[in-house]
Amino acid sequence: MRDREVDIRVANSNTIYGEMSVMRLLDKSFALYTLPQLGFLPETYNAYTQMLKSPFGMVLVSGPTGAGKTTTLYASVAQLDRVGRNLITIEDPVEYRFANINQMPVNVQSGFTFAAGLRACMRLDPNVILVGEIRDPETSQIAVQAALTGHLVLSSVHANDTAGVIVRLIDLGVEPFMAASALVGIVAQRMVRRLCAQCTRSRPANAEEKLAYETEMQESRDEFLYGDGCNFCSGTGYVGRTGIYEVMLVTEDIRRLILANSGSDAIRAQAREDGMSTLWHDGMTKVKMGITTPQEVIRNVFTLG
């Protein structure tokens, strides 16, 4: 398609109205994206790349389905040393292919699950292990063990925000002292639509948008940029998407809270005290920069306090 190779992952199911179909477009050019191109602001980019420099430990990316977690993980692996280090991935399925990375596809029918793949990886002398998703107790515990035995483990977890990832890990059976020792950092992300550059203009905002922006950014605005809709954006006012990110470095204070089995509210409060920019703030910063609209942030992030 337009000289680009695009895979289409199709899911079909019967409904009372007939068959429904959902197609997921996997643009191979996304595999070439760098972290700044995905939407990381300088401060979140610096915090995240600091995590990736760790020789061992666990870095987790969270968010709902379709939030771009896999793309972020791929961009992370792509900027690591793939010649001097042994990088192994376990994926379901392998969406994009990279040179100098050993990529393993999950095959449940043959018994090759995420957990089985992790066990196999441990005997292959890896430096970096990318696990597509941590979704069960067995995988979570093996991944933590790998992180504690000198490997850098990258993976994704379904959780609402960074603090929720820690609670999710413990729910999956990881002991708090192991989570505190293994975790290097956590990223939560969402995808928002980018404003069309061809038809964007300033317009008055509604009360909900003004209140949301003012509450977070501590400044009032009556107008924001919106897309009117044109041929270039198919009348939507948006072209493409960008990520909004919340990056939490696991500091000593946060480790103490994890060891004390504190709730997500206490962990989130400590992370903000340590300088973490929340999803809400990152989104509203992109509104201020004219990248997206307040309604897009409200629709995708809601509010996490």
C-alpha atoms as a PDB file:
ATOM      1  CA  MET A   1       0.000   0.000   0.000  1.00  0.00           C
ATOM      2  CA  ARG A   2       1.714   3.195  -1.230  1.00  0.00           C
ATOM      3  CA  ASP A   3       5.025   1.267  -1.446  1.00  0.00           C
ATOM      4  CA  ARG A   4       4.650   0.141   2.168  1.00  0.00           C
ATOM      5  CA  GLU A   5       4.100  -3.416   3.349  1.00  0.00           C
ATOM      6  CA  VAL A   6       1.098  -3.690   5.670  1.00  0.00           C
ATOM      7  CA  ASP A   7      -0.019  -6.862   7.427  1.00  0.00           C
ATOM      8  CA  ILE A   8      -3.697  -7.235   8.278  1.00  0.00           C
ATOM      9  CA  ARG A   9      -4.726  -9.287  11.311  1.00  0.00           C
ATOM     10  CA  VAL A  10      -8.376 -10.300  10.962  1.00  0.00           C
ATOM     11  CA  ALA A  11     -10.783 -11.550  13.634  1.00  0.00           C
ATOM     12  CA  ASN A  12     -14.267 -12.801  12.732  1.00  0.00           C
ATOM     13  CA  SER A  13     -17.221 -13.739  14.903  1.00  0.00           C
ATOM     14  CA  ASN A  14     -20.923 -14.446  14.537  1.00  0.00           C
ATOM     15  CA  THR A  15     -23.470 -12.013  15.994  1.00  0.00           C
ATOM     16  CA  ILE A  16     -27.280 -11.969  16.000  1.00  0.00           C
ATOM     17  CA  TYR A  17     -27.085  -9.626  12.992  1.00  0.00           C
ATOM     18  CA  GLY A  18     -24.640 -11.773  11.036  1.00  0.00           C
ATOM     19  CA  GLU A  19     -20.866 -12.034  10.913  1.00  0.00           C
ATOM     20  CA  MET A  20     -18.707  -9.183  12.191  1.00  0.00           C
ATOM     21  CA  SER A  21     -15.078  -8.570  11.311  1.00  0.00           C
ATOM     22  CA  VAL A  22     -12.303  -6.496  12.857  1.00  0.00           C
ATOM     23  CA  MET A  23      -9.111  -5.799  10.927  1.00  0.00           C
ATOM     24  CA  ARG A  24      -5.924  -4.659  12.638  1.00  0.00           C
ATOM     25  CA  LEU A  25      -3.496  -2.920  10.292  1.00  0.00           C
ATOM     26  CA  LEU A  26       0.181  -3.531  11.096  1.00  0.00           C
ATOM     27  CA  ASP A  27       2.227  -1.014   9.145  1.00  0.00           C
ATOM     28  CA  LYS A  28       5.779  -2.356   8.868  1.00  0.00           C
ATOM     29  CA  SER A  29       7.163   1.200   8.691  1.00  0.00           C
ATOM     30  CA  PHE A  30       6.177   1.680  12.368  1.00  0.00           C
ATOM     31  CA  ALA A  31       8.980  -0.697  13.290  1.00  0.00           C
ATOM     32  CA  LEU A  32      11.438   1.976  12.172  1.00  0.00           C
ATOM     33  CA  TYR A  33      10.047   4.638  14.516  1.00  0.00           C
ATOM     34  CA  THR A  34      12.284   6.041  17.222  1.00  0.00           C
ATOM     35  CA  LEU A  35      11.052   6.847  20.724  1.00  0.00           C
ATOM     36  CA  PRO A  36      10.873  10.646  20.118  1.00  0.00           C
ATOM     37  CA  GLN A  37       8.770   9.999  16.988  1.00  0.00           C
ATOM     38  CA  LEU A  38       6.249   8.098  19.096  1.00  0.00           C
ATOM     39  CA  GLY A  39       5.460  11.221  21.122  1.00  0.00           C
ATOM     40  CA  PHE A  40       7.826  11.183  24.087  1.00  0.00           C
ATOM     41  CA  LEU A  41       8.428  14.692  25.416  1.00  0.00           C
ATOM     42  CA  PRO A  42      12.050  15.494  26.400  1.00  0.00           C
ATOM     43  CA  GLU A  43      11.553  14.898  30.134  1.00  0.00           C
ATOM     44  CA  THR A  44       9.709  11.581  29.709  1.00  0.00           C
ATOM     45  CA  TYR A  45      12.164  10.507  27.004  1.00  0.00           C
ATOM     46  CA  ASN A  46      15.138  11.138  29.287  1.00  0.00           C
ATOM     47  CA  ALA A  47      13.521   9.210  32.145  1.00  0.00           C
ATOM     48  CA  TYR A  48      12.652   6.257  29.913  1.00  0.00           C
ATOM     49  CA  THR A  49      16.046   6.010  28.220  1.00  0.00           C
ATOM     50  CA  GLN A  50      17.628   6.080  31.680  1.00  0.00           C
ATOM     51  CA  MET A  51      15.660   2.899  32.459  1.00  0.00           C
ATOM     52  CA  LEU A  52      16.848   1.217  29.258  1.00  0.00           C
ATOM     53  CA  LYS A  53      20.473   1.794  30.252  1.00  0.00           C
ATOM     54  CA  SER A  54      20.062  -0.531  33.219  1.00  0.00           C
ATOM     55  CA  PRO A  55      22.081  -3.768  32.710  1.00  0.00           C
ATOM     56  CA  PHE A  56      19.383  -5.811  34.468  1.00  0.00           C
ATOM     57  CA  GLY A  57      15.946  -5.474  36.001  1.00  0.00           C
ATOM     58  CA  MET A  58      12.421  -5.150  34.647  1.00  0.00           C
ATOM     59  CA  VAL A  59      10.902  -2.354  32.562  1.00  0.00           C
ATOM     60  CA  LEU A  60       7.150  -2.630  31.984  1.00  0.00           C
ATOM     61  CA  VAL A  61       4.817  -0.818  29.577  1.00  0.00           C
ATOM     62  CA  SER A  62       1.105  -0.664  30.410  1.00  0.00           C
ATOM     63  CA  GLY A  63      -2.064   0.439  28.720  1.00  0.00           C
ATOM     64  CA  PRO A  64      -5.247  -0.935  27.131  1.00  0.00           C
ATOM     65  CA  THR A  65      -5.350  -2.962  23.922  1.00  0.00           C
ATOM     66  CA  GLY A  66      -4.350  -0.822  20.955  1.00  0.00           C
ATOM     67  CA  ALA A  67      -2.487   1.771  23.045  1.00  0.00           C
ATOM     68  CA  GLY A  68       0.795   1.173  21.197  1.00  0.00           C
ATOM     69  CA  LYS A  69       2.606  -0.879  23.847  1.00  0.00           C
ATOM     70  CA  THR A  70       4.230  -3.230  21.330  1.00  0.00           C
ATOM     71  CA  THR A  71       5.385  -0.324  19.151  1.00  0.00           C
ATOM     72  CA  THR A  72       6.998   1.318  22.186  1.00  0.00           C
ATOM     73  CA  LEU A  73       8.745  -1.933  23.123  1.00  0.00           C
ATOM     74  CA  TYR A  74      10.010  -2.387  19.557  1.00  0.00           C
ATOM     75  CA  ALA A  75      11.323   1.180  19.434  1.00  0.00           C
ATOM     76  CA  SER A  76      13.035   0.541  22.776  1.00  0.00           C
ATOM     77  CA  VAL A  77      14.745  -2.626  21.567  1.00  0.00           C
ATOM     78  CA  ALA A  78      15.718  -0.976  18.280  1.00  0.00           C
ATOM     79  CA  GLN A  79      17.838   1.621  20.063  1.00  0.00           C
ATOM     80  CA  LEU A  80      19.716  -0.956  22.141  1.00  0.00           C
ATOM     81  CA  ASP A  81      23.033  -2.492  21.065  1.00  0.00           C
ATOM     82  CA  ARG A  82      21.930  -5.435  18.900  1.00  0.00           C
ATOM     83  CA  VAL A  83      25.441  -6.517  17.905  1.00  0.00           C
ATOM     84  CA  GLY A  84      27.326  -6.698  21.189  1.00  0.00           C
ATOM     85  CA  ARG A  85      24.311  -7.943  23.182  1.00  0.00           C
ATOM     86  CA  ASN A  86      22.126 -11.009  22.773  1.00  0.00           C
ATOM     87  CA  LEU A  87      18.516  -9.814  22.397  1.00  0.00           C
ATOM     88  CA  ILE A  88      15.687 -12.368  22.437  1.00  0.00           C
ATOM     89  CA  THR A  89      11.964 -11.689  22.053  1.00  0.00           C
ATOM     90  CA  ILE A  90       8.955 -13.913  22.756  1.00  0.00           C
ATOM     91  CA  GLU A  91       5.884 -12.617  20.936  1.00  0.00           C
ATOM     92  CA  ASP A  92       2.313 -13.584  20.119  1.00  0.00           C
ATOM     93  CA  PRO A  93       2.510 -13.118  17.190  1.00  0.00           C
ATOM     94  CA  VAL A  94       5.772 -11.665  15.804  1.00  0.00           C
ATOM     95  CA  GLU A  95       4.366  -8.470  14.286  1.00  0.00           C
ATOM     96  CA  TYR A  96       7.570  -6.848  12.971  1.00  0.00           C
ATOM     97  CA  ARG A  97      10.933  -8.384  12.124  1.00  0.00           C
ATOM     98  CA  PHE A  98      14.318  -6.948  13.108  1.00  0.00           C
ATOM     99  CA  ALA A  99      17.869  -7.748  12.107  1.00  0.00           C
ATOM    100  CA  ASN A 100      20.208  -9.066  14.823  1.00  0.00           C
ATOM    101  CA  ILE A 101      17.341  -9.966  17.190  1.00  0.00           C
ATOM    102  CA  ASN A 102      16.274 -13.553  17.916  1.00  0.00           C
ATOM    103  CA  GLN A 103      12.474 -13.456  17.720  1.00  0.00           C
ATOM    104  CA  MET A 104      10.403 -16.412  18.933  1.00  0.00           C
ATOM    105  CA  PRO A 105       6.679 -16.798  18.156  1.00  0.00           C
ATOM    106  CA  VAL A 106       4.371 -18.230  20.810  1.00  0.00           C
ATOM    107  CA  ASN A 107       2.672 -21.461  19.745  1.00  0.00           C
ATOM    108  CA  VAL A 108       0.193 -22.559  22.403  1.00  0.00           C
ATOM    109  CA  GLN A 109      -0.835 -25.718  20.516  1.00  0.00           C
ATOM    110  CA  SER A 110       2.733 -27.041  20.651  1.00  0.00           C
ATOM    111  CA  GLY A 111       3.168 -25.953  24.280  1.00  0.00           C
ATOM    112  CA  PHE A 112       5.418 -22.969  23.549  1.00  0.00           C
ATOM    113  CA  THR A 113       3.794 -20.331  25.766  1.00  0.00           C
ATOM    114  CA  PHE A 114       5.277 -17.094  27.136  1.00  0.00           C
ATOM    115  CA  ALA A 115       6.352 -18.996  30.253  1.00  0.00           C
ATOM    116  CA  ALA A 116       7.916 -21.848  28.261  1.00  0.00           C
ATOM    117  CA  GLY A 117       9.675 -19.349  26.015  1.00  0.00           C
ATOM    118  CA  LEU A 118      11.094 -17.536  29.047  1.00  0.00           C
ATOM    119  CA  ARG A 119      12.464 -20.801  30.428  1.00  0.00           C
ATOM    120  CA  ALA A 120      14.086 -21.532  27.074  1.00  0.00           C
ATOM    121  CA  CYS A 121      15.548 -18.010  26.939  1.00  0.00           C
ATOM    122  CA  MET A 122      17.287 -18.439  30.267  1.00  0.00           C
ATOM    123  CA  ARG A 123      19.444 -21.189  28.741  1.00  0.00           C
ATOM    124  CA  LEU A 124      20.379 -19.099  25.696  1.00  0.00           C
ATOM    125  CA  ASP A 125      22.602 -16.556  27.498  1.00  0.00           C
ATOM    126  CA  PRO A 126      20.470 -13.459  26.754  1.00  0.00           C
ATOM    127  CA  ASN A 127      21.330  -9.914  27.775  1.00  0.00           C
ATOM    128  CA  VAL A 128      17.887  -8.500  26.980  1.00  0.00           C
ATOM    129  CA  ILE A 129      14.580 -10.398  26.914  1.00  0.00           C
ATOM    130  CA  LEU A 130      11.399  -8.904  25.466  1.00  0.00           C
ATOM    131  CA  VAL A 131       8.231 -10.728  26.549  1.00  0.00           C
ATOM    132  CA  GLY A 132       5.197  -9.676  24.539  1.00  0.00           C
ATOM    133  CA  GLU A 133       2.839  -9.679  27.511  1.00  0.00           C
ATOM    134  CA  ILE A 134       2.716 -10.723  31.156  1.00  0.00           C
ATOM    135  CA  ARG A 135      -0.758 -12.140  31.611  1.00  0.00           C
ATOM    136  CA  ASP A 136      -0.512 -15.055  34.068  1.00  0.00           C
ATOM    137  CA  PRO A 137       1.215 -15.904  37.378  1.00  0.00           C
ATOM    138  CA  GLU A 138       3.727 -18.324  35.830  1.00  0.00           C
ATOM    139  CA  THR A 139       4.997 -15.836  33.254  1.00  0.00           C
ATOM    140  CA  SER A 140       5.180 -13.007  35.802  1.00  0.00           C
ATOM    141  CA  GLN A 141       7.220 -15.037  38.268  1.00  0.00           C
ATOM    142  CA  ILE A 142       9.682 -16.338  35.669  1.00  0.00           C
ATOM    143  CA  ALA A 143      10.086 -12.810  34.244  1.00  0.00           C
ATOM    144  CA  VAL A 144      10.853 -11.428  37.708  1.00  0.00           C
ATOM    145  CA  GLN A 145      13.378 -14.226  38.304  1.00  0.00           C
ATOM    146  CA  ALA A 146      15.046 -13.385  34.978  1.00  0.00           C
ATOM    147  CA  ALA A 147      15.250  -9.706  35.944  1.00  0.00           C
ATOM    148  CA  LEU A 148      16.807 -10.627  39.294  1.00  0.00           C
ATOM    149  CA  THR A 149      19.451 -12.876  37.737  1.00  0.00           C
ATOM    150  CA  GLY A 150      21.180 -10.309  35.555  1.00  0.00           C
ATOM    151  CA  HIS A 151      18.879  -9.848  32.556  1.00  0.00           C
ATOM    152  CA  LEU A 152      17.078  -6.736  31.318  1.00  0.00           C
ATOM    153  CA  VAL A 153      13.448  -7.793  30.852  1.00  0.00           C
ATOM    154  CA  LEU A 154      11.030  -5.656  28.817  1.00  0.00           C
ATOM    155  CA  SER A 155       7.347  -6.502  28.737  1.00  0.00           C
ATOM    156  CA  SER A 156       3.789  -5.179  28.720  1.00  0.00           C
ATOM    157  CA  VAL A 157       1.034  -5.472  31.335  1.00  0.00           C
ATOM    158  CA  HIS A 158      -2.624  -4.492  31.185  1.00  0.00           C
ATOM    159  CA  ALA A 159      -3.125  -1.801  33.840  1.00  0.00           C
ATOM    160  CA  ASN A 160      -4.625   1.686  33.981  1.00  0.00           C
ATOM    161  CA  ASP A 161      -1.499   3.542  35.053  1.00  0.00           C
ATOM    162  CA  THR A 162       2.048   3.050  36.322  1.00  0.00           C
ATOM    163  CA  ALA A 163       1.084   2.499  39.969  1.00  0.00           C
ATOM    164  CA  GLY A 164      -1.583   0.015  38.889  1.00  0.00           C
ATOM    165  CA  VAL A 165       1.116  -2.153  37.275  1.00  0.00           C
ATOM    166  CA  ILE A 166       2.687  -2.839  40.675  1.00  0.00           C
ATOM    167  CA  VAL A 167      -0.679  -3.856  42.128  1.00  0.00           C
ATOM    168  CA  ARG A 168      -1.274  -6.055  39.079  1.00  0.00           C
ATOM    169  CA  LEU A 169       2.075  -7.828  39.509  1.00  0.00           C
ATOM    170  CA  ILE A 170       1.317  -8.575  43.140  1.00  0.00           C
ATOM    171  CA  ASP A 171      -2.172  -9.817  42.137  1.00  0.00           C
ATOM    172  CA  LEU A 172      -0.403 -12.224  39.759  1.00  0.00           C
ATOM    173  CA  GLY A 173       1.466 -13.743  42.671  1.00  0.00           C
ATOM    174  CA  VAL A 174       4.756 -11.818  42.654  1.00  0.00           C
ATOM    175  CA  GLU A 175       5.941 -11.232  46.209  1.00  0.00           C
ATOM    176  CA  PRO A 176       6.272  -7.520  47.088  1.00  0.00           C
ATOM    177  CA  PHE A 177       9.966  -7.879  47.990  1.00  0.00           C
ATOM    178  CA  MET A 178      10.670  -9.459  44.578  1.00  0.00           C
ATOM    179  CA  ALA A 179       8.721  -6.761  42.714  1.00  0.00           C
ATOM    180  CA  ALA A 180      10.576  -4.049  44.645  1.00  0.00           C
ATOM    181  CA  SER A 181      13.941  -5.594  43.781  1.00  0.00           C
ATOM    182  CA  ALA A 182      13.221  -6.382  40.118  1.00  0.00           C
ATOM    183  CA  LEU A 183      11.429  -3.247  38.873  1.00  0.00           C
ATOM    184  CA  VAL A 184      13.511  -0.497  37.277  1.00  0.00           C
ATOM    185  CA  GLY A 185      10.659   1.563  35.883  1.00  0.00           C
ATOM    186  CA  ILE A 186       7.163   1.544  34.418  1.00  0.00           C
ATOM    187  CA  VAL A 187       5.542   3.356  31.498  1.00  0.00           C
ATOM    188  CA  ALA A 188       1.792   3.887  31.051  1.00  0.00           C
ATOM    189  CA  GLN A 189       0.572   5.103  27.679  1.00  0.00           C
ATOM    190  CA  ARG A 190      -2.431   5.979  25.545  1.00  0.00           C
ATOM    191  CA  MET A 191      -2.890   6.956  21.907  1.00  0.00           C
ATOM    192  CA  VAL A 192      -4.559  10.222  20.860  1.00  0.00           C
ATOM    193  CA  ARG A 193      -5.285  11.547  17.392  1.00  0.00           C
ATOM    194  CA  ARG A 194      -3.075  14.317  15.989  1.00  0.00           C
ATOM    195  CA  LEU A 195      -4.641  17.497  14.615  1.00  0.00           C
ATOM    196  CA  CYS A 196      -4.685  17.869  10.840  1.00  0.00           C
ATOM    197  CA  ALA A 197      -2.094  20.454   9.784  1.00  0.00           C
ATOM    198  CA  GLN A 198      -4.197  21.545   6.788  1.00  0.00           C
ATOM    199  CA  CYS A 199      -7.464  22.601   8.440  1.00  0.00           C
ATOM    200  CA  THR A 200      -6.600  23.455  12.048  1.00  0.00           C
ATOM    201  CA  ARG A 201      -7.828  26.742  13.487  1.00  0.00           C
ATOM    202  CA  SER A 202      -8.523  28.238  16.897  1.00  0.00           C
ATOM    203  CA  ARG A 203     -12.104  27.974  18.178  1.00  0.00           C
ATOM    204  CA  PRO A 204     -13.897  28.540  21.509  1.00  0.00           C
ATOM    205  CA  ALA A 205     -13.858  25.508  23.791  1.00  0.00           C
ATOM    206  CA  ASN A 206     -16.742  24.091  25.801  1.00  0.00           C
ATOM    207  CA  ALA A 207     -16.890  24.279  29.594  1.00  0.00           C
ATOM    208  CA  GLU A 208     -15.715  20.686  30.148  1.00  0.00           C
ATOM    209  CA  GLU A 209     -12.579  21.172  28.067  1.00  0.00           C
ATOM    210  CA  LYS A 210     -11.720  24.523  29.656  1.00  0.00           C
ATOM    211  CA  LEU A 211     -12.141  23.124  33.174  1.00  0.00           C
ATOM    212  CA  ALA A 212     -10.053  20.017  32.433  1.00  0.00           C
ATOM    213  CA  TYR A 213      -7.224  22.069  30.965  1.00  0.00           C
ATOM    214  CA  GLU A 214      -7.266  24.740  33.671  1.00  0.00           C
ATOM    215  CA  THR A 215      -7.330  22.194  36.508  1.00  0.00           C
ATOM    216  CA  GLU A 216      -4.224  20.419  35.234  1.00  0.00           C
ATOM    217  CA  MET A 217      -2.180  23.233  33.710  1.00  0.00           C
ATOM    218  CA  GLN A 218      -3.093  25.957  36.242  1.00  0.00           C
ATOM    219  CA  GLU A 219      -3.867  28.449  33.478  1.00  0.00           C
ATOM    220  CA  SER A 220      -7.139  29.427  31.840  1.00  0.00           C
ATOM    221  CA  ARG A 221      -7.830  29.340  28.113  1.00  0.00           C
ATOM    222  CA  ASP A 222     -11.038  30.008  26.241  1.00  0.00           C
ATOM    223  CA  GLU A 223      -9.883  28.746  22.835  1.00  0.00           C
ATOM    224  CA  PHE A 224      -7.996  25.703  21.544  1.00  0.00           C
ATOM    225  CA  LEU A 225      -6.952  24.408  18.149  1.00  0.00           C
ATOM    226  CA  TYR A 226      -9.453  22.176  16.341  1.00  0.00           C
ATOM    227  CA  GLY A 227      -9.563  20.629  12.889  1.00  0.00           C
ATOM    228  CA  ASP A 228     -12.464  21.731  10.692  1.00  0.00           C
ATOM    229  CA  GLY A 229     -12.213  18.679   8.451  1.00  0.00           C
ATOM    230  CA  CYS A 230     -10.905  18.664   4.877  1.00  0.00           C
ATOM    231  CA  ASN A 231     -10.037  16.284   2.043  1.00  0.00           C
ATOM    232  CA  PHE A 232      -6.583  15.716   3.505  1.00  0.00           C
ATOM    233  CA  CYS A 233      -7.996  14.302   6.776  1.00  0.00           C
ATOM    234  CA  SER A 234     -11.165  12.775   5.245  1.00  0.00           C
ATOM    235  CA  GLY A 235     -13.287  15.331   7.081  1.00  0.00           C
ATOM    236  CA  THR A 236     -12.197  14.189  10.552  1.00  0.00           C
ATOM    237  CA  GLY A 237      -9.915  17.059  11.581  1.00  0.00           C
ATOM    238  CA  TYR A 238      -7.206  14.553  12.547  1.00  0.00           C
ATOM    239  CA  VAL A 239      -4.310  12.834  10.747  1.00  0.00           C
ATOM    240  CA  GLY A 240      -2.326  10.095  12.444  1.00  0.00           C
ATOM    241  CA  ARG A 241      -1.867   9.476  16.154  1.00  0.00           C
ATOM    242  CA  THR A 242       0.685  10.155  18.845  1.00  0.00           C
ATOM    243  CA  GLY A 243       1.331   8.700  22.273  1.00  0.00           C
ATOM    244  CA  ILE A 244       0.884  10.294  25.678  1.00  0.00           C
ATOM    245  CA  TYR A 245       3.078   8.850  28.417  1.00  0.00           C
ATOM    246  CA  GLU A 246       3.500   8.505  32.161  1.00  0.00           C
ATOM    247  CA  VAL A 247       7.008   7.356  33.113  1.00  0.00           C
ATOM    248  CA  MET A 248       7.725   6.222  36.662  1.00  0.00           C
ATOM    249  CA  LEU A 249      11.256   5.489  37.825  1.00  0.00           C
ATOM    250  CA  VAL A 250      11.158   3.068  40.756  1.00  0.00           C
ATOM    251  CA  THR A 251      13.036   5.051  43.386  1.00  0.00           C
ATOM    252  CA  GLU A 252      14.043   3.893  46.857  1.00  0.00           C
ATOM    253  CA  ASP A 253      10.989   5.615  48.349  1.00  0.00           C
ATOM    254  CA  ILE A 254       8.713   3.722  45.967  1.00  0.00           C
ATOM    255  CA  ARG A 255      10.516   0.455  46.774  1.00  0.00           C
ATOM    256  CA  ARG A 256       9.769   1.012  50.460  1.00  0.00           C
ATOM    257  CA  LEU A 257       6.082   1.535  49.658  1.00  0.00           C
ATOM    258  CA  ILE A 258       6.012  -1.679  47.595  1.00  0.00           C
ATOM    259  CA  LEU A 259       7.648  -3.592  50.469  1.00  0.00           C
ATOM    260  CA  ALA A 260       5.006  -2.178  52.814  1.00  0.00           C
ATOM    261  CA  ASN A 261       2.317  -3.450  50.391  1.00  0.00           C
ATOM    262  CA  SER A 262       0.962   0.098  49.974  1.00  0.00           C
ATOM    263  CA  GLY A 263      -1.899   0.786  47.595  1.00  0.00           C
ATOM    264  CA  SER A 264      -1.656   2.378  44.169  1.00  0.00           C
ATOM    265  CA  ASP A 265      -2.761   5.804  45.486  1.00  0.00           C
ATOM    266  CA  ALA A 266       0.208   6.034  47.864  1.00  0.00           C
ATOM    267  CA  ILE A 267       2.636   4.845  45.165  1.00  0.00           C
ATOM    268  CA  ARG A 268       1.245   7.329  42.627  1.00  0.00           C
ATOM    269  CA  ALA A 269       1.493  10.190  45.146  1.00  0.00           C
ATOM    270  CA  GLN A 270       5.141   9.331  45.851  1.00  0.00           C
ATOM    271  CA  ALA A 271       5.930   9.091  42.131  1.00  0.00           C
ATOM    272  CA  ARG A 272       4.439  12.548  41.554  1.00  0.00           C
ATOM    273  CA  GLU A 273       6.487  13.867  44.465  1.00  0.00           C
ATOM    274  CA  ASP A 274       9.546  12.348  42.753  1.00  0.00           C
ATOM    275  CA  GLY A 275       8.725  14.378  39.618  1.00  0.00           C
ATOM    276  CA  MET A 276       6.630  12.010  37.529  1.00  0.00           C
ATOM    277  CA  SER A 277       4.468  13.646  34.855  1.00  0.00           C
ATOM    278  CA  THR A 278       1.076  11.918  34.713  1.00  0.00           C
ATOM    279  CA  LEU A 279      -0.795  10.784  31.604  1.00  0.00           C
ATOM    280  CA  TRP A 280      -3.257  13.608  32.184  1.00  0.00           C
ATOM    281  CA  HIS A 281      -0.477  16.224  32.367  1.00  0.00           C
ATOM    282  CA  ASP A 282       1.376  14.822  29.349  1.00  0.00           C
ATOM    283  CA  GLY A 283      -1.843  14.906  27.345  1.00  0.00           C
ATOM    284  CA  MET A 284      -2.686  18.485  28.312  1.00  0.00           C
ATOM    285  CA  THR A 285       0.896  19.534  27.521  1.00  0.00           C
ATOM    286  CA  LYS A 286       0.334  18.211  23.988  1.00  0.00           C
ATOM    287  CA  VAL A 287      -2.904  20.236  23.874  1.00  0.00           C
ATOM    288  CA  LYS A 288      -0.909  23.335  24.804  1.00  0.00           C
ATOM    289  CA  MET A 289       1.581  22.505  22.037  1.00  0.00           C
ATOM    290  CA  GLY A 290      -1.234  22.286  19.472  1.00  0.00           C
ATOM    291  CA  ILE A 291      -0.725  18.573  18.804  1.00  0.00           C
ATOM    292  CA  THR A 292      -4.170  17.338  19.861  1.00  0.00           C
ATOM    293  CA  THR A 293      -7.431  18.561  21.412  1.00  0.00           C
ATOM    294  CA  PRO A 294      -8.634  18.521  25.049  1.00  0.00           C
ATOM    295  CA  GLN A 295     -11.504  16.234  24.063  1.00  0.00           C
ATOM    296  CA  GLU A 296      -9.047  13.616  22.755  1.00  0.00           C
ATOM    297  CA  VAL A 297      -7.236  13.593  26.100  1.00  0.00           C
ATOM    298  CA  ILE A 298     -10.502  13.432  28.057  1.00  0.00           C
ATOM    299  CA  ARG A 299     -11.760  10.599  25.823  1.00  0.00           C
ATOM    300  CA  ASN A 300      -8.641   8.456  26.132  1.00  0.00           C
ATOM    301  CA  VAL A 301      -7.299   9.186  29.599  1.00  0.00           C
ATOM    302  CA  PHE A 302     -10.339  10.167  31.674  1.00  0.00           C
ATOM    303  CA  THR A 303      -8.709  11.153  34.961  1.00  0.00           C
ATOM    304  CA  LEU A 304      -6.283   9.312  37.228  1.00  0.00           C
ATOM    305  CA  GLY A 305      -5.938  11.963  39.930  1.00  0.00           C
END
